[in-house]
């Protein structure tokens, strides 16, 4: 799984949604939960507690 990573650029959510979780996202051999959450005027993105394997997460605002 060389070179596998998750890149998120300028994460956004619709005004009426404060958080969303993508469950069981497959990235190469890994499976993980990817969460997006509104915090004040920003949207943050992070890996959930449920995951199988390690995949780097790169977020650019």
Protein backbone atom coordinates (compact mmCIF):
# COMPACT_ATOMS: atom_id res chain seq x y z
CA UNK A 1 0.00 0.00 0.00
CA UNK A 2 2.90 2.33 -0.73
CA UNK A 3 1.74 5.89 -1.46
CA UNK A 4 -1.80 5.42 -0.13
CA UNK A 5 -3.09 8.43 1.75
CA UNK A 6 -6.26 10.47 2.08
CA UNK A 7 -6.08 14.05 0.82
CA UNK A 8 -8.88 16.47 1.75
CA UNK A 9 -8.75 19.97 0.29
CA UNK A 10 -10.98 22.76 1.57
CA UNK A 11 -13.49 20.61 3.48
CA UNK A 12 -17.03 22.02 3.42
CA UNK A 13 -20.45 21.03 4.75
CA UNK A 14 -23.89 22.35 3.76
CA UNK A 15 -25.19 24.98 6.19
CA UNK A 16 -27.83 22.63 7.65
CA UNK A 17 -25.34 19.83 8.44
CA UNK A 18 -22.91 20.12 11.37
CA UNK A 19 -21.22 16.73 11.06
CA UNK A 20 -21.05 13.68 8.84
CA UNK A 21 -19.18 10.37 9.06
CA UNK A 22 -18.18 8.19 6.11
CA UNK A 23 -18.04 4.71 7.59
CA UNK A 24 -15.95 1.78 6.38
CA UNK A 25 -14.13 3.79 3.70
CA UNK A 26 -11.70 1.46 1.90
CA UNK A 27 -8.27 2.91 1.11
CA UNK A 28 -6.02 0.22 -0.30
CA UNK A 29 -6.12 -2.63 2.22
CA UNK A 30 -7.28 -0.35 5.07
CA UNK A 31 -10.86 0.41 6.13
CA UNK A 32 -11.64 3.46 8.24
CA UNK A 33 -14.23 6.01 9.30
CA UNK A 34 -13.67 9.57 8.09
CA UNK A 35 -15.43 12.35 10.03
CA UNK A 36 -16.19 15.96 9.10
CA UNK A 37 -17.40 18.38 11.78
CA UNK A 38 -18.25 22.06 11.96
CA UNK A 39 -16.27 23.85 14.71
CA UNK A 40 -17.11 27.57 14.88
CA UNK A 41 -16.57 28.83 11.31
CA UNK A 42 -14.33 25.94 10.18
CA UNK A 43 -14.84 22.37 9.05
CA UNK A 44 -12.44 19.86 10.59
CA UNK A 45 -11.71 16.41 9.22
CA UNK A 46 -10.33 13.50 11.24
CA UNK A 47 -10.12 9.72 11.31
CA UNK A 48 -12.65 8.00 13.55
CA UNK A 49 -11.85 5.45 16.24
CA UNK A 50 -12.88 2.54 14.03
CA UNK A 51 -10.14 1.63 11.58
CA UNK A 52 -8.25 -1.34 10.23
CA UNK A 53 -4.77 -0.38 9.06
CA UNK A 54 -2.93 2.91 8.97
CA UNK A 55 -3.45 5.55 6.30
CA UNK A 56 -2.11 9.12 6.53
CA UNK A 57 -4.72 11.90 6.44
CA UNK A 58 -3.66 15.22 4.86
CA UNK A 59 -6.12 18.13 5.25
CA UNK A 60 -5.55 21.46 3.50
CA UNK A 61 -7.85 24.38 4.30
